[in-house]
Amino acid sequence: MSEVQELDSASFNKNYRVLKETADWLSGQKEPDIDQLVPKVETAMRAYKICKSRLDTVQATLGQYFEQDGAPPEDATPTNGDGDGQARKPNRPTQPGGDDDIPF
């Protein structure tokens, strides 16, 4: 009846594969198979927690190396807000009747 899939708590790749297979299975359903839905989602949630934990560990470890290297944290560089990673240009004060119409 209920098939419980064993997960490898140390392998990000295996658990990511479980997440991908579950997502593919869900997106391929024309009519939901309620009998398989709950066990698959429960397994996927366990796989997600393992993946998230592994990612958090890697991020913390890499963060320690960057701090030791003296490099600023990734979120310390201001961006222009469109996600391209380019630094913001400083705002220039507007000069009345002046340089706003200069094309360069």
PDB file of N, CA and C in Angstrom:
ATOM      1  N   MET A   1       0.802  -1.185   0.000  1.00  0.00           N
ATOM      2  CA  MET A   1       0.000   0.000   0.000  1.00  0.00           C
ATOM      3  C   MET A   1       0.848   1.254   0.000  1.00  0.00           C
ATOM      4  N   SER A   2       1.236   1.731   1.159  1.00  0.00           N
ATOM      5  CA  SER A   2       2.044   2.938   1.222  1.00  0.00           C
ATOM      6  C   SER A   2       3.509   2.571   1.065  1.00  0.00           C
ATOM      7  N   GLU A   3       4.101   3.055  -0.010  1.00  0.00           N
ATOM      8  CA  GLU A   3       5.510   2.782  -0.275  1.00  0.00           C
ATOM      9  C   GLU A   3       6.335   3.950   0.239  1.00  0.00           C
ATOM     10  N   VAL A   4       7.124   3.709   1.288  1.00  0.00           N
ATOM     11  CA  VAL A   4       7.963   4.754   1.865  1.00  0.00           C
ATOM     12  C   VAL A   4       9.355   4.607   1.279  1.00  0.00           C
ATOM     13  N   GLN A   5       9.831   5.651   0.627  1.00  0.00           N
ATOM     14  CA  GLN A   5      11.147   5.632   0.014  1.00  0.00           C
ATOM     15  C   GLN A   5      12.178   6.058   1.042  1.00  0.00           C
ATOM     16  N   GLU A   6      13.248   5.260   1.166  1.00  0.00           N
ATOM     17  CA  GLU A   6      14.335   5.598   2.065  1.00  0.00           C
ATOM     18  C   GLU A   6      15.185   6.682   1.424  1.00  0.00           C
ATOM     19  N   LEU A   7      15.553   7.660   2.211  1.00  0.00           N
ATOM     20  CA  LEU A   7      16.363   8.764   1.724  1.00  0.00           C
ATOM     21  C   LEU A   7      17.751   8.687   2.326  1.00  0.00           C
ATOM     22  N   ASP A   8      18.722   9.170   1.569  1.00  0.00           N
ATOM     23  CA  ASP A   8      20.103   9.244   2.039  1.00  0.00           C
ATOM     24  C   ASP A   8      20.316  10.629   2.634  1.00  0.00           C
ATOM     25  N   SER A   9      20.450  10.698   3.944  1.00  0.00           N
ATOM     26  CA  SER A   9      20.524  11.992   4.618  1.00  0.00           C
ATOM     27  C   SER A   9      21.830  12.737   4.340  1.00  0.00           C
ATOM     28  N   ALA A  10      22.790  12.110   3.669  1.00  0.00           N
ATOM     29  CA  ALA A  10      24.065  12.769   3.405  1.00  0.00           C
ATOM     30  C   ALA A  10      24.235  13.162   1.941  1.00  0.00           C
ATOM     31  N   SER A  11      23.288  12.804   1.083  1.00  0.00           N
ATOM     32  CA  SER A  11      23.477  13.046  -0.342  1.00  0.00           C
ATOM     33  C   SER A  11      22.494  14.083  -0.877  1.00  0.00           C
ATOM     34  N   PHE A  12      23.023  15.248  -1.200  1.00  0.00           N
ATOM     35  CA  PHE A  12      22.200  16.290  -1.793  1.00  0.00           C
ATOM     36  C   PHE A  12      21.658  15.819  -3.144  1.00  0.00           C
ATOM     37  N   ASN A  13      22.524  15.246  -3.977  1.00  0.00           N
ATOM     38  CA  ASN A  13      22.128  14.864  -5.333  1.00  0.00           C
ATOM     39  C   ASN A  13      20.999  13.843  -5.348  1.00  0.00           C
ATOM     40  N   LYS A  14      21.061  12.852  -4.481  1.00  0.00           N
ATOM     41  CA  LYS A  14      20.001  11.838  -4.443  1.00  0.00           C
ATOM     42  C   LYS A  14      18.676  12.458  -4.009  1.00  0.00           C
ATOM     43  N   ASN A  15      18.724  13.330  -3.031  1.00  0.00           N
ATOM     44  CA  ASN A  15      17.498  13.960  -2.553  1.00  0.00           C
ATOM     45  C   ASN A  15      16.951  14.965  -3.554  1.00  0.00           C
ATOM     46  N   TYR A  16      17.842  15.658  -4.252  1.00  0.00           N
ATOM     47  CA  TYR A  16      17.400  16.568  -5.302  1.00  0.00           C
ATOM     48  C   TYR A  16      16.700  15.776  -6.411  1.00  0.00           C
ATOM     49  N   ARG A  17      17.245  14.616  -6.723  1.00  0.00           N
ATOM     50  CA  ARG A  17      16.629  13.759  -7.732  1.00  0.00           C
ATOM     51  C   ARG A  17      15.214  13.358  -7.305  1.00  0.00           C
ATOM     52  N   VAL A  18      15.032  13.050  -6.011  1.00  0.00           N
ATOM     53  CA  VAL A  18      13.702  12.719  -5.500  1.00  0.00           C
ATOM     54  C   VAL A  18      12.753  13.901  -5.713  1.00  0.00           C
ATOM     55  N   LEU A  19      13.231  15.108  -5.416  1.00  0.00           N
ATOM     56  CA  LEU A  19      12.403  16.298  -5.624  1.00  0.00           C
ATOM     57  C   LEU A  19      12.034  16.470  -7.097  1.00  0.00           C
ATOM     58  N   LYS A  20      13.011  16.303  -7.971  1.00  0.00           N
ATOM     59  CA  LYS A  20      12.763  16.463  -9.404  1.00  0.00           C
ATOM     60  C   LYS A  20      11.793  15.409  -9.909  1.00  0.00           C
ATOM     61  N   GLU A  21      11.984  14.158  -9.518  1.00  0.00           N
ATOM     62  CA  GLU A  21      11.079  13.083  -9.953  1.00  0.00           C
ATOM     63  C   GLU A  21       9.659  13.329  -9.460  1.00  0.00           C
ATOM     64  N   THR A  22       9.528  13.807  -8.234  1.00  0.00           N
ATOM     65  CA  THR A  22       8.200  14.098  -7.691  1.00  0.00           C
ATOM     66  C   THR A  22       7.538  15.240  -8.458  1.00  0.00           C
ATOM     67  N   ALA A  23       8.309  16.286  -8.740  1.00  0.00           N
ATOM     68  CA  ALA A  23       7.768  17.421  -9.504  1.00  0.00           C
ATOM     69  C   ALA A  23       7.358  16.973 -10.903  1.00  0.00           C
ATOM     70  N   ASP A  24       8.175  16.156 -11.537  1.00  0.00           N
ATOM     71  CA  ASP A  24       7.830  15.643 -12.866  1.00  0.00           C
ATOM     72  C   ASP A  24       6.567  14.788 -12.812  1.00  0.00           C
ATOM     73  N   TRP A  25       6.468  13.945 -11.783  1.00  0.00           N
ATOM     74  CA  TRP A  25       5.286  13.091 -11.619  1.00  0.00           C
ATOM     75  C   TRP A  25       4.039  13.947 -11.428  1.00  0.00           C
ATOM     76  N   LEU A  26       4.154  14.960 -10.562  1.00  0.00           N
ATOM     77  CA  LEU A  26       2.998  15.830 -10.320  1.00  0.00           C
ATOM     78  C   LEU A  26       2.575  16.579 -11.577  1.00  0.00           C
ATOM     79  N   SER A  27       3.533  17.095 -12.323  1.00  0.00           N
ATOM     80  CA  SER A  27       3.187  17.870 -13.517  1.00  0.00           C
ATOM     81  C   SER A  27       2.643  16.986 -14.631  1.00  0.00           C
ATOM     82  N   GLY A  28       2.953  15.701 -14.599  1.00  0.00           N
ATOM     83  CA  GLY A  28       2.466  14.782 -15.627  1.00  0.00           C
ATOM     84  C   GLY A  28       1.109  14.167 -15.327  1.00  0.00           C
ATOM     85  N   GLN A  29       0.542  14.475 -14.183  1.00  0.00           N
ATOM     86  CA  GLN A  29      -0.752  13.894 -13.799  1.00  0.00           C
ATOM     87  C   GLN A  29      -1.893  14.572 -14.546  1.00  0.00           C
ATOM     88  N   LYS A  30      -2.669  13.792 -15.275  1.00  0.00           N
ATOM     89  CA  LYS A  30      -3.875  14.319 -15.912  1.00  0.00           C
ATOM     90  C   LYS A  30      -5.029  14.263 -14.910  1.00  0.00           C
ATOM     91  N   GLU A  31      -5.074  13.175 -14.186  1.00  0.00           N
ATOM     92  CA  GLU A  31      -6.035  13.029 -13.089  1.00  0.00           C
ATOM     93  C   GLU A  31      -5.225  12.678 -11.852  1.00  0.00           C
ATOM     94  N   PRO A  32      -5.398  13.435 -10.775  1.00  0.00           N
ATOM     95  CA  PRO A  32      -4.583  13.190  -9.578  1.00  0.00           C
ATOM     96  C   PRO A  32      -4.784  11.784  -9.014  1.00  0.00           C
ATOM     97  N   ASP A  33      -3.675  11.131  -8.705  1.00  0.00           N
ATOM     98  CA  ASP A  33      -3.710   9.822  -8.058  1.00  0.00           C
ATOM     99  C   ASP A  33      -3.586  10.076  -6.563  1.00  0.00           C
ATOM    100  N   ILE A  34      -4.721  10.227  -5.923  1.00  0.00           N
ATOM    101  CA  ILE A  34      -4.772  10.589  -4.507  1.00  0.00           C
ATOM    102  C   ILE A  34      -4.061   9.551  -3.641  1.00  0.00           C
ATOM    103  N   ASP A  35      -4.122   8.283  -4.016  1.00  0.00           N
ATOM    104  CA  ASP A  35      -3.496   7.230  -3.219  1.00  0.00           C
ATOM    105  C   ASP A  35      -1.974   7.375  -3.173  1.00  0.00           C
ATOM    106  N   GLN A  36      -1.380   7.927  -4.217  1.00  0.00           N
ATOM    107  CA  GLN A  36       0.070   8.094  -4.247  1.00  0.00           C
ATOM    108  C   GLN A  36       0.503   9.506  -3.869  1.00  0.00           C
ATOM    109  N   LEU A  37      -0.428  10.447  -3.894  1.00  0.00           N
ATOM    110  CA  LEU A  37      -0.082  11.843  -3.680  1.00  0.00           C
ATOM    111  C   LEU A  37       0.551  12.095  -2.307  1.00  0.00           C
ATOM    112  N   VAL A  38      -0.124  11.688  -1.245  1.00  0.00           N
ATOM    113  CA  VAL A  38       0.367  11.986   0.103  1.00  0.00           C
ATOM    114  C   VAL A  38       1.730  11.348   0.365  1.00  0.00           C
ATOM    115  N   PRO A  39       1.926  10.065   0.075  1.00  0.00           N
ATOM    116  CA  PRO A  39       3.258   9.494   0.335  1.00  0.00           C
ATOM    117  C   PRO A  39       4.366  10.171  -0.491  1.00  0.00           C
ATOM    118  N   LYS A  40       4.070  10.514  -1.739  1.00  0.00           N
ATOM    119  CA  LYS A  40       5.086  11.168  -2.572  1.00  0.00           C
ATOM    120  C   LYS A  40       5.418  12.558  -2.037  1.00  0.00           C
ATOM    121  N   VAL A  41       4.413  13.298  -1.621  1.00  0.00           N
ATOM    122  CA  VAL A  41       4.652  14.643  -1.091  1.00  0.00           C
ATOM    123  C   VAL A  41       5.403  14.559   0.236  1.00  0.00           C
ATOM    124  N   GLU A  42       5.059  13.600   1.081  1.00  0.00           N
ATOM    125  CA  GLU A  42       5.774  13.442   2.348  1.00  0.00           C
ATOM    126  C   GLU A  42       7.247  13.125   2.100  1.00  0.00           C
ATOM    127  N   THR A  43       7.512  12.234   1.161  1.00  0.00           N
ATOM    128  CA  THR A  43       8.892  11.889   0.827  1.00  0.00           C
ATOM    129  C   THR A  43       9.626  13.102   0.255  1.00  0.00           C
ATOM    130  N   ALA A  44       8.951  13.844  -0.626  1.00  0.00           N
ATOM    131  CA  ALA A  44       9.558  15.030  -1.216  1.00  0.00           C
ATOM    132  C   ALA A  44       9.868  16.074  -0.146  1.00  0.00           C
ATOM    133  N   MET A  45       8.999  16.219   0.829  1.00  0.00           N
ATOM    134  CA  MET A  45       9.249  17.193   1.894  1.00  0.00           C
ATOM    135  C   MET A  45      10.454  16.786   2.738  1.00  0.00           C
ATOM    136  N   ARG A  46      10.614  15.502   3.000  1.00  0.00           N
ATOM    137  CA  ARG A  46      11.798  15.042   3.734  1.00  0.00           C
ATOM    138  C   ARG A  46      13.055  15.290   2.907  1.00  0.00           C
ATOM    139  N   ALA A  47      12.969  15.025   1.597  1.00  0.00           N
ATOM    140  CA  ALA A  47      14.109  15.268   0.710  1.00  0.00           C
ATOM    141  C   ALA A  47      14.430  16.758   0.664  1.00  0.00           C
ATOM    142  N   TYR A  48      13.405  17.594   0.632  1.00  0.00           N
ATOM    143  CA  TYR A  48      13.606  19.047   0.616  1.00  0.00           C
ATOM    144  C   TYR A  48      14.343  19.503   1.873  1.00  0.00           C
ATOM    145  N   LYS A  49      13.935  19.002   3.028  1.00  0.00           N
ATOM    146  CA  LYS A  49      14.577  19.399   4.287  1.00  0.00           C
ATOM    147  C   LYS A  49      16.050  18.999   4.302  1.00  0.00           C
ATOM    148  N   ILE A  50      16.350  17.820   3.757  1.00  0.00           N
ATOM    149  CA  ILE A  50      17.741  17.369   3.694  1.00  0.00           C
ATOM    150  C   ILE A  50      18.537  18.273   2.749  1.00  0.00           C
ATOM    151  N   CYS A  51      17.965  18.578   1.580  1.00  0.00           N
ATOM    152  CA  CYS A  51      18.652  19.459   0.619  1.00  0.00           C
ATOM    153  C   CYS A  51      18.882  20.838   1.221  1.00  0.00           C
ATOM    154  N   LYS A  52      17.874  21.379   1.867  1.00  0.00           N
ATOM    155  CA  LYS A  52      17.995  22.706   2.461  1.00  0.00           C
ATOM    156  C   LYS A  52      19.072  22.714   3.543  1.00  0.00           C
ATOM    157  N   SER A  53      19.094  21.685   4.362  1.00  0.00           N
ATOM    158  CA  SER A  53      20.107  21.590   5.410  1.00  0.00           C
ATOM    159  C   SER A  53      21.513  21.536   4.811  1.00  0.00           C
ATOM    160  N   ARG A  54      21.682  20.744   3.751  1.00  0.00           N
ATOM    161  CA  ARG A  54      22.988  20.639   3.100  1.00  0.00           C
ATOM    162  C   ARG A  54      23.396  21.981   2.491  1.00  0.00           C
ATOM    163  N   LEU A  55      22.447  22.677   1.850  1.00  0.00           N
ATOM    164  CA  LEU A  55      22.746  23.979   1.259  1.00  0.00           C
ATOM    165  C   LEU A  55      23.115  24.999   2.330  1.00  0.00           C
ATOM    166  N   ASP A  56      22.390  24.992   3.444  1.00  0.00           N
ATOM    167  CA  ASP A  56      22.697  25.905   4.548  1.00  0.00           C
ATOM    168  C   ASP A  56      24.100  25.653   5.090  1.00  0.00           C
ATOM    169  N   THR A  57      24.470  24.378   5.206  1.00  0.00           N
ATOM    170  CA  THR A  57      25.797  24.019   5.704  1.00  0.00           C
ATOM    171  C   THR A  57      26.884  24.502   4.744  1.00  0.00           C
ATOM    172  N   VAL A  58      26.670  24.277   3.459  1.00  0.00           N
ATOM    173  CA  VAL A  58      27.653  24.711   2.458  1.00  0.00           C
ATOM    174  C   VAL A  58      27.765  26.233   2.464  1.00  0.00           C
ATOM    175  N   GLN A  59      26.632  26.929   2.517  1.00  0.00           N
ATOM    176  CA  GLN A  59      26.650  28.388   2.533  1.00  0.00           C
ATOM    177  C   GLN A  59      27.394  28.922   3.747  1.00  0.00           C
ATOM    178  N   ALA A  60      27.154  28.331   4.914  1.00  0.00           N
ATOM    179  CA  ALA A  60      27.838  28.774   6.129  1.00  0.00           C
ATOM    180  C   ALA A  60      29.339  28.516   6.031  1.00  0.00           C
ATOM    181  N   THR A  61      29.706  27.365   5.508  1.00  0.00           N
ATOM    182  CA  THR A  61      31.126  27.027   5.371  1.00  0.00           C
ATOM    183  C   THR A  61      31.816  27.973   4.401  1.00  0.00           C
ATOM    184  N   LEU A  62      31.209  28.205   3.249  1.00  0.00           N
ATOM    185  CA  LEU A  62      31.806  29.119   2.279  1.00  0.00           C
ATOM    186  C   LEU A  62      31.852  30.533   2.829  1.00  0.00           C
ATOM    187  N   GLY A  63      30.842  30.923   3.573  1.00  0.00           N
ATOM    188  CA  GLY A  63      30.825  32.249   4.179  1.00  0.00           C
ATOM    189  C   GLY A  63      31.995  32.454   5.117  1.00  0.00           C
ATOM    190  N   GLN A  64      32.366  31.414   5.861  1.00  0.00           N
ATOM    191  CA  GLN A  64      33.519  31.508   6.749  1.00  0.00           C
ATOM    192  C   GLN A  64      34.798  31.746   5.956  1.00  0.00           C
ATOM    193  N   TYR A  65      34.935  31.069   4.813  1.00  0.00           N
ATOM    194  CA  TYR A  65      36.145  31.247   3.999  1.00  0.00           C
ATOM    195  C   TYR A  65      36.209  32.654   3.424  1.00  0.00           C
ATOM    196  N   PHE A  66      35.071  33.182   2.985  1.00  0.00           N
ATOM    197  CA  PHE A  66      35.063  34.532   2.422  1.00  0.00           C
ATOM    198  C   PHE A  66      35.344  35.570   3.497  1.00  0.00           C
ATOM    199  N   GLU A  67      34.833  35.366   4.700  1.00  0.00           N
ATOM    200  CA  GLU A  67      35.117  36.294   5.794  1.00  0.00           C
ATOM    201  C   GLU A  67      36.595  36.282   6.146  1.00  0.00           C
ATOM    202  N   GLN A  68      37.206  35.111   6.153  1.00  0.00           N
ATOM    203  CA  GLN A  68      38.627  35.008   6.454  1.00  0.00           C
ATOM    204  C   GLN A  68      39.468  35.658   5.362  1.00  0.00           C
ATOM    205  N   ASP A  69      38.990  35.597   4.140  1.00  0.00           N
ATOM    206  CA  ASP A  69      39.717  36.157   3.001  1.00  0.00           C
ATOM    207  C   ASP A  69      39.595  37.673   2.942  1.00  0.00           C
ATOM    208  N   GLY A  70      38.668  38.231   3.695  1.00  0.00           N
ATOM    209  CA  GLY A  70      38.485  39.672   3.709  1.00  0.00           C
ATOM    210  C   GLY A  70      37.557  40.177   2.631  1.00  0.00           C
ATOM    211  N   ALA A  71      36.991  39.280   1.844  1.00  0.00           N
ATOM    212  CA  ALA A  71      36.059  39.699   0.802  1.00  0.00           C
ATOM    213  C   ALA A  71      34.736  40.072   1.450  1.00  0.00           C
ATOM    214  N   PRO A  72      34.067  41.108   0.930  1.00  0.00           N
ATOM    215  CA  PRO A  72      32.780  41.487   1.513  1.00  0.00           C
ATOM    216  C   PRO A  72      31.738  40.412   1.243  1.00  0.00           C
ATOM    217  N   PRO A  73      30.754  40.263   2.125  1.00  0.00           N
ATOM    218  CA  PRO A  73      29.692  39.301   1.883  1.00  0.00           C
ATOM    219  C   PRO A  73      28.974  39.638   0.582  1.00  0.00           C
ATOM    220  N   GLU A  74      28.365  38.642  -0.015  1.00  0.00           N
ATOM    221  CA  GLU A  74      27.707  38.796  -1.306  1.00  0.00           C
ATOM    222  C   GLU A  74      26.648  39.888  -1.291  1.00  0.00           C
ATOM    223  N   ASP A  75      25.920  40.030  -0.205  1.00  0.00           N
ATOM    224  CA  ASP A  75      24.839  41.009  -0.165  1.00  0.00           C
ATOM    225  C   ASP A  75      25.320  42.403   0.238  1.00  0.00           C
ATOM    226  N   ALA A  76      26.621  42.618   0.359  1.00  0.00           N
ATOM    227  CA  ALA A  76      27.130  43.918   0.774  1.00  0.00           C
ATOM    228  C   ALA A  76      27.274  44.885  -0.396  1.00  0.00           C
ATOM    229  N   THR A  77      27.295  44.382  -1.623  1.00  0.00           N
ATOM    230  CA  THR A  77      27.444  45.243  -2.788  1.00  0.00           C
ATOM    231  C   THR A  77      26.083  45.781  -3.192  1.00  0.00           C
ATOM    232  N   PRO A  78      25.893  47.106  -3.172  1.00  0.00           N
ATOM    233  CA  PRO A  78      24.602  47.639  -3.580  1.00  0.00           C
ATOM    234  C   PRO A  78      24.394  47.423  -5.067  1.00  0.00           C
ATOM    235  N   THR A  79      23.195  47.090  -5.458  1.00  0.00           N
ATOM    236  CA  THR A  79      22.884  46.891  -6.862  1.00  0.00           C
ATOM    237  C   THR A  79      21.856  47.901  -7.295  1.00  0.00           C
ATOM    238  N   ASN A  80      21.629  47.955  -8.594  1.00  0.00           N
ATOM    239  CA  ASN A  80      20.690  48.922  -9.125  1.00  0.00           C
ATOM    240  C   ASN A  80      19.244  48.443  -9.041  1.00  0.00           C
ATOM    241  N   GLY A  81      18.986  47.302  -8.443  1.00  0.00           N
ATOM    242  CA  GLY A  81      17.628  46.843  -8.191  1.00  0.00           C
ATOM    243  C   GLY A  81      17.051  45.962  -9.282  1.00  0.00           C
ATOM    244  N   ASP A  82      17.735  45.816 -10.420  1.00  0.00           N
ATOM    245  CA  ASP A  82      17.164  44.964 -11.455  1.00  0.00           C
ATOM    246  C   ASP A  82      17.806  43.581 -11.484  1.00  0.00           C
ATOM    247  N   GLY A  83      18.607  43.277 -10.483  1.00  0.00           N
ATOM    248  CA  GLY A  83      19.145  41.939 -10.321  1.00  0.00           C
ATOM    249  C   GLY A  83      20.328  41.620 -11.216  1.00  0.00           C
ATOM    250  N   ASP A  84      20.886  42.610 -11.915  1.00  0.00           N
ATOM    251  CA  ASP A  84      21.995  42.310 -12.799  1.00  0.00           C
ATOM    252  C   ASP A  84      23.347  42.382 -12.102  1.00  0.00           C
ATOM    253  N   GLY A  85      23.364  42.757 -10.813  1.00  0.00           N
ATOM    254  CA  GLY A  85      24.596  42.791 -10.045  1.00  0.00           C
ATOM    255  C   GLY A  85      25.434  44.028 -10.268  1.00  0.00           C
ATOM    256  N   GLN A  86      24.973  44.945 -11.095  1.00  0.00           N
ATOM    257  CA  GLN A  86      25.716  46.172 -11.349  1.00  0.00           C
ATOM    258  C   GLN A  86      25.533  47.131 -10.185  1.00  0.00           C
ATOM    259  N   ALA A  87      26.596  47.836  -9.838  1.00  0.00           N
ATOM    260  CA  ALA A  87      26.532  48.789  -8.730  1.00  0.00           C
ATOM    261  C   ALA A  87      25.644  49.963  -9.112  1.00  0.00           C
ATOM    262  N   ARG A  88      25.010  50.543  -8.114  1.00  0.00           N
ATOM    263  CA  ARG A  88      24.162  51.711  -8.328  1.00  0.00           C
ATOM    264  C   ARG A  88      25.018  52.928  -8.621  1.00  0.00           C
ATOM    265  N   LYS A  89      24.487  53.805  -9.463  1.00  0.00           N
ATOM    266  CA  LYS A  89      25.144  55.086  -9.710  1.00  0.00           C
ATOM    267  C   LYS A  89      24.689  56.045  -8.632  1.00  0.00           C
ATOM    268  N   PRO A  90      25.583  56.885  -8.138  1.00  0.00           N
ATOM    269  CA  PRO A  90      25.160  57.832  -7.105  1.00  0.00           C
ATOM    270  C   PRO A  90      24.165  58.833  -7.692  1.00  0.00           C
ATOM    271  N   ASN A  91      23.213  59.245  -6.874  1.00  0.00           N
ATOM    272  CA  ASN A  91      22.238  60.239  -7.309  1.00  0.00           C
ATOM    273  C   ASN A  91      22.903  61.603  -7.366  1.00  0.00           C
ATOM    274  N   ARG A  92      22.704  62.306  -8.473  1.00  0.00           N
ATOM    275  CA  ARG A  92      23.216  63.660  -8.605  1.00  0.00           C
ATOM    276  C   ARG A  92      22.130  64.631  -8.202  1.00  0.00           C
ATOM    277  N   PRO A  93      22.482  65.653  -7.465  1.00  0.00           N
ATOM    278  CA  PRO A  93      21.474  66.661  -7.161  1.00  0.00           C
ATOM    279  C   PRO A  93      21.095  67.409  -8.440  1.00  0.00           C
ATOM    280  N   THR A  94      19.835  67.770  -8.545  1.00  0.00           N
ATOM    281  CA  THR A  94      19.353  68.496  -9.716  1.00  0.00           C
ATOM    282  C   THR A  94      19.713  69.970  -9.589  1.00  0.00           C
ATOM    283  N   GLN A  95      20.313  70.497 -10.626  1.00  0.00           N
ATOM    284  CA  GLN A  95      20.683  71.910 -10.656  1.00  0.00           C
ATOM    285  C   GLN A  95      19.589  72.678 -11.393  1.00  0.00           C
ATOM    286  N   PRO A  96      19.020  73.715 -10.772  1.00  0.00           N
ATOM    287  CA  PRO A  96      17.988  74.479 -11.463  1.00  0.00           C
ATOM    288  C   PRO A  96      18.551  75.175 -12.692  1.00  0.00           C
ATOM    289  N   GLY A  97      17.824  74.980 -13.827  1.00  0.00           N
ATOM    290  CA  GLY A  97      18.199  75.618 -15.070  1.00  0.00           C
ATOM    291  C   GLY A  97      19.575  75.237 -15.545  1.00  0.00           C
ATOM    292  N   GLY A  98      20.053  74.118 -15.102  1.00  0.00           N
ATOM    293  CA  GLY A  98      21.456  73.824 -15.374  1.00  0.00           C
ATOM    294  C   GLY A  98      21.690  72.557 -16.149  1.00  0.00           C
ATOM    295  N   ASP A  99      22.441  71.670 -15.567  1.00  0.00           N
ATOM    296  CA  ASP A  99      23.053  70.576 -16.303  1.00  0.00           C
ATOM    297  C   ASP A  99      22.164  69.360 -16.513  1.00  0.00           C
ATOM    298  N   ASP A 100      20.878  69.418 -16.231  1.00  0.00           N
ATOM    299  CA  ASP A 100      20.018  68.266 -16.477  1.00  0.00           C
ATOM    300  C   ASP A 100      19.840  68.000 -17.971  1.00  0.00           C
ATOM    301  N   ASP A 101      20.019  69.040 -18.795  1.00  0.00           N
ATOM    302  CA  ASP A 101      19.806  68.855 -20.228  1.00  0.00           C
ATOM    303  C   ASP A 101      21.103  68.543 -20.969  1.00  0.00           C
ATOM    304  N   ILE A 102      22.194  68.368 -20.265  1.00  0.00           N
ATOM    305  CA  ILE A 102      23.457  68.013 -20.898  1.00  0.00           C
ATOM    306  C   ILE A 102      23.398  66.545 -21.278  1.00  0.00           C
ATOM    307  N   PRO A 103      23.614  66.204 -22.562  1.00  0.00           N
ATOM    308  CA  PRO A 103      23.435  64.824 -23.019  1.00  0.00           C
ATOM    309  C   PRO A 103      24.575  63.874 -22.643  1.00  0.00           C
ATOM    310  N   PHE A 104      25.582  64.335 -21.963  1.00  0.00           N
ATOM    311  CA  PHE A 104      26.683  63.443 -21.618  1.00  0.00           C
ATOM    312  C   PHE A 104      27.002  63.459 -20.182  1.00  0.00           C
TER     313      PHE A 104
END
